[in-house]
Amino acid sequence: MADHQIKGKTVIIAGGAKNLGGLIAKDLAAHGAKAIAIHYNSSSSKADADDTLAVVKAAGTEGVALQADLTTAGAMEKLFADSIAAIGKPDIAINTVGKVLKKPMVDISEAEYDEMSAVNAKTAFFFIKEAGKALNDNGKICTLVTSLLGAYTPFYASYAGTKAPVEHFTRAASKEFGDRGISVTAIGPGPMDTPFFYPAEGADAVAYHKTAAALSPFSKVGLTDIEDIVPWIRFLVSDGWWMTGQTILVNGGYTTK
């Protein structure tokens, strides 16, 4: 019988240096992961990656921090190759990479659209592709999307629109990789209390988002707390393996499908 625990497993996390990705790395280390590869995008995140790596190692987990701009297929291939060379073939692959843009469609330039598509859709596609090639049998793949996939709203066309393809990438991969026991899921948090959220929103929008979820009054921040997302990801990449091909919105009742 396949082992669907965290203990003893090797993990790769794209965007694993800080915020939600960093907390996932620390959590999986605390739950007994054998080794974790922590990806970070640029030199500005290196200190965060090193800090997260130190916590991971302090928990008794092997680790490595790897820098890459993942918007090309070659860079994604190299990330997985370097991770395997450092800590071995992964059992769990988690992609938290994403970019937010809140802007009317008529004001979005081609360059802005291309960047959003590269970060949110292309990176996700090639991450899932390389994970499908690299993962041990009975592995787990999880991608971060957004609860805006369940929203009827203006101004997020380039953000939600470039995250939307990940739903089908997830479905297709779950069918294609299922005969090896690999589960593939996507998880869509609501607006999260991280430094990425606030620059995109005005004061009025922040106030609205802090009250928009059904459970907002019971959240210490009103928004989705990354600490409330981590257990869901841990579940999906371990005991929750039987759920596959699905996009799950975890947002305290912010949006639904």
C-alpha atoms as a PDB file:
ATOM      1  CA  MET A   1       0.000   0.000   0.000  1.00  0.00           C
ATOM      2  CA  ALA A   2       1.261   3.471  -0.884  1.00  0.00           C
ATOM      3  CA  ASP A   3       2.480   5.685   1.938  1.00  0.00           C
ATOM      4  CA  HIS A   4       0.584   8.982   1.949  1.00  0.00           C
ATOM      5  CA  GLN A   5       2.326  10.623   4.898  1.00  0.00           C
ATOM      6  CA  ILE A   6       4.722  13.586   4.961  1.00  0.00           C
ATOM      7  CA  LYS A   7       7.367  11.835   7.028  1.00  0.00           C
ATOM      8  CA  GLY A   8      10.342  10.728   4.992  1.00  0.00           C
ATOM      9  CA  LYS A   9       9.233  12.477   1.796  1.00  0.00           C
ATOM     10  CA  THR A  10      11.235  14.749  -0.492  1.00  0.00           C
ATOM     11  CA  VAL A  11       9.584  18.048  -1.445  1.00  0.00           C
ATOM     12  CA  ILE A  12      10.124  20.842  -3.973  1.00  0.00           C
ATOM     13  CA  ILE A  13       8.383  24.176  -3.424  1.00  0.00           C
ATOM     14  CA  ALA A  14       8.355  26.868  -6.103  1.00  0.00           C
ATOM     15  CA  GLY A  15       8.133  30.216  -4.371  1.00  0.00           C
ATOM     16  CA  GLY A  16       9.110  28.601  -1.097  1.00  0.00           C
ATOM     17  CA  ALA A  17      11.199  31.387   0.413  1.00  0.00           C
ATOM     18  CA  LYS A  18       8.624  33.487   2.269  1.00  0.00           C
ATOM     19  CA  ASN A  19       4.981  34.189   3.027  1.00  0.00           C
ATOM     20  CA  LEU A  20       2.800  31.146   2.263  1.00  0.00           C
ATOM     21  CA  GLY A  21       5.546  29.200   0.490  1.00  0.00           C
ATOM     22  CA  GLY A  22       7.949  29.701   3.355  1.00  0.00           C
ATOM     23  CA  LEU A  23       5.359  28.650   5.901  1.00  0.00           C
ATOM     24  CA  ILE A  24       4.600  25.509   3.883  1.00  0.00           C
ATOM     25  CA  ALA A  25       8.294  24.591   3.859  1.00  0.00           C
ATOM     26  CA  LYS A  26       8.591  25.053   7.621  1.00  0.00           C
ATOM     27  CA  ASP A  27       5.368  23.124   8.252  1.00  0.00           C
ATOM     28  CA  LEU A  28       6.337  20.121   6.138  1.00  0.00           C
ATOM     29  CA  ALA A  29       9.746  20.035   7.797  1.00  0.00           C
ATOM     30  CA  ALA A  30       8.040  20.037  11.198  1.00  0.00           C
ATOM     31  CA  HIS A  31       5.905  17.100  10.028  1.00  0.00           C
ATOM     32  CA  GLY A  32       8.928  15.007   9.151  1.00  0.00           C
ATOM     33  CA  ALA A  33       9.752  15.685   5.505  1.00  0.00           C
ATOM     34  CA  LYS A  34      13.116  14.143   4.660  1.00  0.00           C
ATOM     35  CA  ALA A  35      14.304  16.941   2.359  1.00  0.00           C
ATOM     36  CA  ILE A  36      12.957  20.181   0.889  1.00  0.00           C
ATOM     37  CA  ALA A  37      14.118  22.230  -2.100  1.00  0.00           C
ATOM     38  CA  ILE A  38      13.171  25.877  -1.623  1.00  0.00           C
ATOM     39  CA  HIS A  39      12.927  27.893  -4.830  1.00  0.00           C
ATOM     40  CA  TYR A  40      13.167  31.681  -4.823  1.00  0.00           C
ATOM     41  CA  ASN A  41      12.816  34.034  -7.775  1.00  0.00           C
ATOM     42  CA  SER A  42      15.526  36.675  -7.415  1.00  0.00           C
ATOM     43  CA  SER A  43      18.330  37.981  -5.239  1.00  0.00           C
ATOM     44  CA  SER A  44      15.826  40.149  -3.348  1.00  0.00           C
ATOM     45  CA  SER A  45      14.371  36.964  -1.834  1.00  0.00           C
ATOM     46  CA  LYS A  46      17.666  35.218  -1.077  1.00  0.00           C
ATOM     47  CA  ALA A  47      17.769  36.304   2.576  1.00  0.00           C
ATOM     48  CA  ASP A  48      14.214  35.004   3.095  1.00  0.00           C
ATOM     49  CA  ALA A  49      15.119  31.727   1.395  1.00  0.00           C
ATOM     50  CA  ASP A  50      18.176  31.357   3.619  1.00  0.00           C
ATOM     51  CA  ASP A  51      16.090  32.068   6.736  1.00  0.00           C
ATOM     52  CA  THR A  52      13.483  29.485   5.734  1.00  0.00           C
ATOM     53  CA  LEU A  53      16.210  26.981   4.903  1.00  0.00           C
ATOM     54  CA  ALA A  54      17.741  27.467   8.348  1.00  0.00           C
ATOM     55  CA  VAL A  55      14.394  26.645  10.013  1.00  0.00           C
ATOM     56  CA  VAL A  56      13.960  23.600   7.785  1.00  0.00           C
ATOM     57  CA  LYS A  57      17.421  22.302   8.681  1.00  0.00           C
ATOM     58  CA  ALA A  58      16.865  23.007  12.368  1.00  0.00           C
ATOM     59  CA  ALA A  59      13.889  20.646  12.187  1.00  0.00           C
ATOM     60  CA  GLY A  60      16.234  17.888  11.031  1.00  0.00           C
ATOM     61  CA  THR A  61      15.244  18.094   7.366  1.00  0.00           C
ATOM     62  CA  GLU A  62      17.758  18.258   4.538  1.00  0.00           C
ATOM     63  CA  GLY A  63      17.374  21.326   2.365  1.00  0.00           C
ATOM     64  CA  VAL A  64      18.627  23.445  -0.466  1.00  0.00           C
ATOM     65  CA  ALA A  65      17.723  26.925  -1.728  1.00  0.00           C
ATOM     66  CA  LEU A  66      17.633  27.362  -5.511  1.00  0.00           C
ATOM     67  CA  GLN A  67      17.238  30.631  -7.416  1.00  0.00           C
ATOM     68  CA  ALA A  68      15.491  30.807 -10.798  1.00  0.00           C
ATOM     69  CA  ASP A  69      13.156  32.891 -12.935  1.00  0.00           C
ATOM     70  CA  LEU A  70      10.702  30.135 -13.839  1.00  0.00           C
ATOM     71  CA  THR A  71       9.046  31.796 -16.835  1.00  0.00           C
ATOM     72  CA  THR A  72      10.876  29.591 -19.347  1.00  0.00           C
ATOM     73  CA  ALA A  73      10.652  25.852 -19.864  1.00  0.00           C
ATOM     74  CA  GLY A  74      14.438  25.567 -19.705  1.00  0.00           C
ATOM     75  CA  ALA A  75      14.598  27.255 -16.323  1.00  0.00           C
ATOM     76  CA  MET A  76      11.940  24.906 -14.976  1.00  0.00           C
ATOM     77  CA  GLU A  77      13.816  21.854 -16.267  1.00  0.00           C
ATOM     78  CA  LYS A  78      16.967  23.130 -14.602  1.00  0.00           C
ATOM     79  CA  LEU A  79      15.187  23.759 -11.296  1.00  0.00           C
ATOM     80  CA  PHE A  80      14.000  20.168 -11.127  1.00  0.00           C
ATOM     81  CA  ALA A  81      17.372  18.816 -12.278  1.00  0.00           C
ATOM     82  CA  ASP A  82      19.228  20.874  -9.669  1.00  0.00           C
ATOM     83  CA  SER A  83      16.781  19.851  -6.965  1.00  0.00           C
ATOM     84  CA  ILE A  84      17.155  16.164  -7.815  1.00  0.00           C
ATOM     85  CA  ALA A  85      20.939  16.491  -7.857  1.00  0.00           C
ATOM     86  CA  ALA A  86      20.870  18.112  -4.405  1.00  0.00           C
ATOM     87  CA  ILE A  87      18.245  16.125  -2.495  1.00  0.00           C
ATOM     88  CA  GLY A  88      16.888  13.356  -4.746  1.00  0.00           C
ATOM     89  CA  LYS A  89      13.690  12.769  -6.713  1.00  0.00           C
ATOM     90  CA  PRO A  90      10.657  14.526  -5.221  1.00  0.00           C
ATOM     91  CA  ASP A  91       7.560  12.903  -3.790  1.00  0.00           C
ATOM     92  CA  ILE A  92       5.708  16.203  -3.396  1.00  0.00           C
ATOM     93  CA  ALA A  93       5.751  19.251  -5.684  1.00  0.00           C
ATOM     94  CA  ILE A  94       4.044  22.510  -4.640  1.00  0.00           C
ATOM     95  CA  ASN A  95       3.898  25.672  -6.750  1.00  0.00           C
ATOM     96  CA  THR A  96       3.008  28.923  -4.969  1.00  0.00           C
ATOM     97  CA  VAL A  97       4.311  31.255  -7.691  1.00  0.00           C
ATOM     98  CA  GLY A  98       1.943  34.013  -8.796  1.00  0.00           C
ATOM     99  CA  LYS A  99       1.601  37.670  -9.710  1.00  0.00           C
ATOM    100  CA  VAL A 100      -1.348  39.990  -9.057  1.00  0.00           C
ATOM    101  CA  LEU A 101      -2.481  42.866 -11.253  1.00  0.00           C
ATOM    102  CA  LYS A 102      -5.664  44.824 -10.537  1.00  0.00           C
ATOM    103  CA  LYS A 103      -6.374  47.031 -13.519  1.00  0.00           C
ATOM    104  CA  PRO A 104      -9.140  47.714 -16.056  1.00  0.00           C
ATOM    105  CA  MET A 105      -8.750  45.624 -19.203  1.00  0.00           C
ATOM    106  CA  VAL A 106      -8.608  48.747 -21.396  1.00  0.00           C
ATOM    107  CA  ASP A 107      -5.507  49.913 -19.507  1.00  0.00           C
ATOM    108  CA  ILE A 108      -3.535  46.642 -19.601  1.00  0.00           C
ATOM    109  CA  SER A 109      -0.589  46.706 -21.994  1.00  0.00           C
ATOM    110  CA  GLU A 110       0.601  43.768 -24.052  1.00  0.00           C
ATOM    111  CA  ALA A 111       3.775  43.646 -21.959  1.00  0.00           C
ATOM    112  CA  GLU A 112       1.729  43.479 -18.742  1.00  0.00           C
ATOM    113  CA  TYR A 113      -0.465  40.731 -20.142  1.00  0.00           C
ATOM    114  CA  ASP A 114       2.538  38.732 -21.346  1.00  0.00           C
ATOM    115  CA  GLU A 115       4.149  38.955 -17.910  1.00  0.00           C
ATOM    116  CA  MET A 116       0.968  37.870 -16.131  1.00  0.00           C
ATOM    117  CA  SER A 117       0.532  34.967 -18.526  1.00  0.00           C
ATOM    118  CA  ALA A 118       4.157  33.891 -18.118  1.00  0.00           C
ATOM    119  CA  VAL A 119       4.115  33.964 -14.316  1.00  0.00           C
ATOM    120  CA  ASN A 120       0.632  32.589 -13.651  1.00  0.00           C
ATOM    121  CA  ALA A 121      -0.099  30.205 -16.530  1.00  0.00           C
ATOM    122  CA  LYS A 122       3.141  29.268 -18.289  1.00  0.00           C
ATOM    123  CA  THR A 123       5.071  28.710 -15.072  1.00  0.00           C
ATOM    124  CA  ALA A 124       2.237  26.556 -13.707  1.00  0.00           C
ATOM    125  CA  PHE A 125       2.070  24.463 -16.877  1.00  0.00           C
ATOM    126  CA  PHE A 126       5.771  23.704 -16.995  1.00  0.00           C
ATOM    127  CA  PHE A 127       5.942  23.123 -13.231  1.00  0.00           C
ATOM    128  CA  ILE A 128       3.234  20.461 -13.523  1.00  0.00           C
ATOM    129  CA  LYS A 129       4.943  19.012 -16.615  1.00  0.00           C
ATOM    130  CA  GLU A 130       8.333  18.694 -14.925  1.00  0.00           C
ATOM    131  CA  ALA A 131       6.758  17.402 -11.719  1.00  0.00           C
ATOM    132  CA  GLY A 132       4.982  14.723 -13.737  1.00  0.00           C
ATOM    133  CA  LYS A 133       8.320  13.652 -15.219  1.00  0.00           C
ATOM    134  CA  ALA A 134      10.296  13.848 -11.981  1.00  0.00           C
ATOM    135  CA  LEU A 135       7.974  12.654  -9.212  1.00  0.00           C
ATOM    136  CA  ASN A 136       8.230   9.240  -7.668  1.00  0.00           C
ATOM    137  CA  ASP A 137       5.141   7.074  -8.069  1.00  0.00           C
ATOM    138  CA  ASN A 138       2.329   7.939  -5.643  1.00  0.00           C
ATOM    139  CA  GLY A 139       3.528  11.545  -5.618  1.00  0.00           C
ATOM    140  CA  LYS A 140       1.497  14.713  -5.074  1.00  0.00           C
ATOM    141  CA  ILE A 141       1.298  17.972  -7.026  1.00  0.00           C
ATOM    142  CA  CYS A 142      -0.452  21.093  -5.728  1.00  0.00           C
ATOM    143  CA  THR A 143      -0.658  24.536  -7.353  1.00  0.00           C
ATOM    144  CA  LEU A 144      -1.800  27.804  -5.773  1.00  0.00           C
ATOM    145  CA  VAL A 145      -4.480  29.625  -7.745  1.00  0.00           C
ATOM    146  CA  THR A 146      -7.038  32.176  -6.502  1.00  0.00           C
ATOM    147  CA  SER A 147     -10.573  32.307  -5.152  1.00  0.00           C
ATOM    148  CA  LEU A 148     -11.269  34.942  -7.803  1.00  0.00           C
ATOM    149  CA  LEU A 149     -11.886  31.957 -10.082  1.00  0.00           C
ATOM    150  CA  GLY A 150     -15.264  31.856  -8.352  1.00  0.00           C
ATOM    151  CA  ALA A 151     -15.891  35.617  -8.541  1.00  0.00           C
ATOM    152  CA  TYR A 152     -17.930  37.851 -10.856  1.00  0.00           C
ATOM    153  CA  THR A 153     -15.879  41.012 -10.639  1.00  0.00           C
ATOM    154  CA  PRO A 154     -14.045  43.629 -12.706  1.00  0.00           C
ATOM    155  CA  PHE A 155     -10.355  44.612 -12.767  1.00  0.00           C
ATOM    156  CA  TYR A 156      -8.796  41.160 -12.257  1.00  0.00           C
ATOM    157  CA  ALA A 157      -9.067  39.888 -15.840  1.00  0.00           C
ATOM    158  CA  SER A 158      -5.331  39.431 -16.270  1.00  0.00           C
ATOM    159  CA  TYR A 159      -4.871  37.847 -12.837  1.00  0.00           C
ATOM    160  CA  ALA A 160      -7.816  35.461 -12.546  1.00  0.00           C
ATOM    161  CA  GLY A 161      -7.752  34.988 -16.313  1.00  0.00           C
ATOM    162  CA  THR A 162      -4.185  33.710 -16.289  1.00  0.00           C
ATOM    163  CA  LYS A 163      -4.777  31.541 -13.227  1.00  0.00           C
ATOM    164  CA  ALA A 164      -7.895  29.984 -14.776  1.00  0.00           C
ATOM    165  CA  PRO A 165      -5.967  27.676 -17.161  1.00  0.00           C
ATOM    166  CA  VAL A 166      -4.425  25.960 -14.143  1.00  0.00           C
ATOM    167  CA  GLU A 167      -7.814  24.358 -13.452  1.00  0.00           C
ATOM    168  CA  HIS A 168      -7.608  22.455 -16.707  1.00  0.00           C
ATOM    169  CA  PHE A 169      -3.882  21.776 -16.368  1.00  0.00           C
ATOM    170  CA  THR A 170      -4.801  20.164 -13.042  1.00  0.00           C
ATOM    171  CA  ARG A 171      -7.606  18.060 -14.501  1.00  0.00           C
ATOM    172  CA  ALA A 172      -5.541  16.925 -17.479  1.00  0.00           C
ATOM    173  CA  ALA A 173      -2.472  16.080 -15.399  1.00  0.00           C
ATOM    174  CA  SER A 174      -4.529  14.124 -12.884  1.00  0.00           C
ATOM    175  CA  LYS A 175      -5.769  11.898 -15.704  1.00  0.00           C
ATOM    176  CA  GLU A 176      -2.366  11.582 -17.348  1.00  0.00           C
ATOM    177  CA  PHE A 177      -0.420  10.877 -14.144  1.00  0.00           C
ATOM    178  CA  GLY A 178      -3.100   8.886 -12.325  1.00  0.00           C
ATOM    179  CA  ASP A 179      -1.839   5.512 -13.489  1.00  0.00           C
ATOM    180  CA  ARG A 180       1.287   6.182 -11.426  1.00  0.00           C
ATOM    181  CA  GLY A 181      -0.733   7.008  -8.316  1.00  0.00           C
ATOM    182  CA  ILE A 182       0.038  10.742  -8.574  1.00  0.00           C
ATOM    183  CA  SER A 183      -2.663  13.138  -7.375  1.00  0.00           C
ATOM    184  CA  VAL A 184      -2.886  16.670  -8.766  1.00  0.00           C
ATOM    185  CA  THR A 185      -4.808  19.499  -7.127  1.00  0.00           C
ATOM    186  CA  ALA A 186      -5.096  23.276  -7.096  1.00  0.00           C
ATOM    187  CA  ILE A 187      -6.047  25.384  -4.103  1.00  0.00           C
ATOM    188  CA  GLY A 188      -7.503  28.895  -4.323  1.00  0.00           C
ATOM    189  CA  PRO A 189      -7.151  31.015  -1.191  1.00  0.00           C
ATOM    190  CA  GLY A 190      -9.106  34.206  -0.693  1.00  0.00           C
ATOM    191  CA  PRO A 191      -7.290  37.551  -0.469  1.00  0.00           C
ATOM    192  CA  MET A 192      -4.339  36.776   1.786  1.00  0.00           C
ATOM    193  CA  ASP A 193      -2.773  38.924   4.467  1.00  0.00           C
ATOM    194  CA  THR A 194       0.655  39.122   2.832  1.00  0.00           C
ATOM    195  CA  PRO A 195       2.766  41.978   1.416  1.00  0.00           C
ATOM    196  CA  PHE A 196       1.614  40.996  -2.080  1.00  0.00           C
ATOM    197  CA  PHE A 197      -2.005  41.925  -1.359  1.00  0.00           C
ATOM    198  CA  TYR A 198      -1.913  45.500  -0.149  1.00  0.00           C
ATOM    199  CA  PRO A 199      -0.038  47.272  -2.999  1.00  0.00           C
ATOM    200  CA  ALA A 200      -2.694  46.144  -5.496  1.00  0.00           C
ATOM    201  CA  GLU A 201      -5.628  47.456  -3.463  1.00  0.00           C
ATOM    202  CA  GLY A 202      -6.814  50.874  -2.335  1.00  0.00           C
ATOM    203  CA  ALA A 203      -7.960  51.547   1.219  1.00  0.00           C
ATOM    204  CA  ASP A 204     -11.642  51.095   0.330  1.00  0.00           C
ATOM    205  CA  ALA A 205     -10.959  47.770  -1.393  1.00  0.00           C
ATOM    206  CA  VAL A 206      -8.906  46.511   1.553  1.00  0.00           C
ATOM    207  CA  ALA A 207     -11.755  47.414   3.908  1.00  0.00           C
ATOM    208  CA  TYR A 208     -14.225  45.560   1.679  1.00  0.00           C
ATOM    209  CA  HIS A 209     -12.101  42.423   1.385  1.00  0.00           C
ATOM    210  CA  LYS A 210     -11.657  42.318   5.161  1.00  0.00           C
ATOM    211  CA  THR A 211     -15.428  41.958   5.579  1.00  0.00           C
ATOM    212  CA  ALA A 212     -16.370  40.033   2.421  1.00  0.00           C
ATOM    213  CA  ALA A 213     -15.910  36.451   3.627  1.00  0.00           C
ATOM    214  CA  ALA A 214     -18.653  34.769   5.634  1.00  0.00           C
ATOM    215  CA  LEU A 215     -16.124  33.972   8.360  1.00  0.00           C
ATOM    216  CA  SER A 216     -14.331  37.357   8.268  1.00  0.00           C
ATOM    217  CA  PRO A 217     -15.534  38.316  11.769  1.00  0.00           C
ATOM    218  CA  PHE A 218     -13.715  35.261  13.140  1.00  0.00           C
ATOM    219  CA  SER A 219     -10.419  35.917  11.366  1.00  0.00           C
ATOM    220  CA  LYS A 220      -7.738  37.849  13.201  1.00  0.00           C
ATOM    221  CA  VAL A 221      -7.023  39.773   9.996  1.00  0.00           C
ATOM    222  CA  GLY A 222     -10.396  39.621   8.217  1.00  0.00           C
ATOM    223  CA  LEU A 223      -8.550  38.293   5.188  1.00  0.00           C
ATOM    224  CA  THR A 224      -7.368  34.749   4.539  1.00  0.00           C
ATOM    225  CA  ASP A 225      -4.557  33.973   6.961  1.00  0.00           C
ATOM    226  CA  ILE A 226      -1.750  31.910   5.450  1.00  0.00           C
ATOM    227  CA  GLU A 227      -1.779  29.826   8.625  1.00  0.00           C
ATOM    228  CA  ASP A 228      -5.277  28.646   7.651  1.00  0.00           C
ATOM    229  CA  ILE A 229      -4.152  27.554   4.175  1.00  0.00           C
ATOM    230  CA  VAL A 230      -1.106  25.510   5.189  1.00  0.00           C
ATOM    231  CA  PRO A 231      -3.088  22.628   6.796  1.00  0.00           C
ATOM    232  CA  TRP A 232      -5.138  22.241   3.621  1.00  0.00           C
ATOM    233  CA  ILE A 233      -2.023  21.969   1.493  1.00  0.00           C
ATOM    234  CA  ARG A 234      -0.464  19.525   3.948  1.00  0.00           C
ATOM    235  CA  PHE A 235      -3.649  17.428   3.749  1.00  0.00           C
ATOM    236  CA  LEU A 236      -3.819  17.468  -0.054  1.00  0.00           C
ATOM    237  CA  VAL A 237      -0.201  16.296  -0.377  1.00  0.00           C
ATOM    238  CA  SER A 238      -0.614  13.517   2.179  1.00  0.00           C
ATOM    239  CA  ASP A 239      -3.786  11.842   3.485  1.00  0.00           C
ATOM    240  CA  GLY A 240      -5.974  13.814   1.047  1.00  0.00           C
ATOM    241  CA  TRP A 241      -4.418  12.106  -1.979  1.00  0.00           C
ATOM    242  CA  TRP A 242      -7.757  10.585  -3.048  1.00  0.00           C
ATOM    243  CA  MET A 243      -8.929  14.061  -4.068  1.00  0.00           C
ATOM    244  CA  THR A 244      -7.398  14.674  -7.486  1.00  0.00           C
ATOM    245  CA  GLY A 245      -8.135  16.779 -10.553  1.00  0.00           C
ATOM    246  CA  GLN A 246      -9.906  19.340  -8.376  1.00  0.00           C
ATOM    247  CA  THR A 247      -9.571  23.063  -7.718  1.00  0.00           C
ATOM    248  CA  ILE A 248     -10.597  23.806  -4.130  1.00  0.00           C
ATOM    249  CA  LEU A 249     -11.446  27.336  -2.976  1.00  0.00           C
ATOM    250  CA  VAL A 250     -10.418  27.799   0.658  1.00  0.00           C
ATOM    251  CA  ASN A 251     -11.480  31.292   1.626  1.00  0.00           C
ATOM    252  CA  GLY A 252     -13.813  31.429   4.605  1.00  0.00           C
ATOM    253  CA  GLY A 253     -16.803  31.932   2.354  1.00  0.00           C
ATOM    254  CA  TYR A 254     -15.397  34.705   0.168  1.00  0.00           C
ATOM    255  CA  THR A 255     -16.431  33.176  -3.155  1.00  0.00           C
ATOM    256  CA  THR A 256     -17.821  29.832  -4.293  1.00  0.00           C
ATOM    257  CA  LYS A 257     -18.508  28.053  -7.544  1.00  0.00           C
END
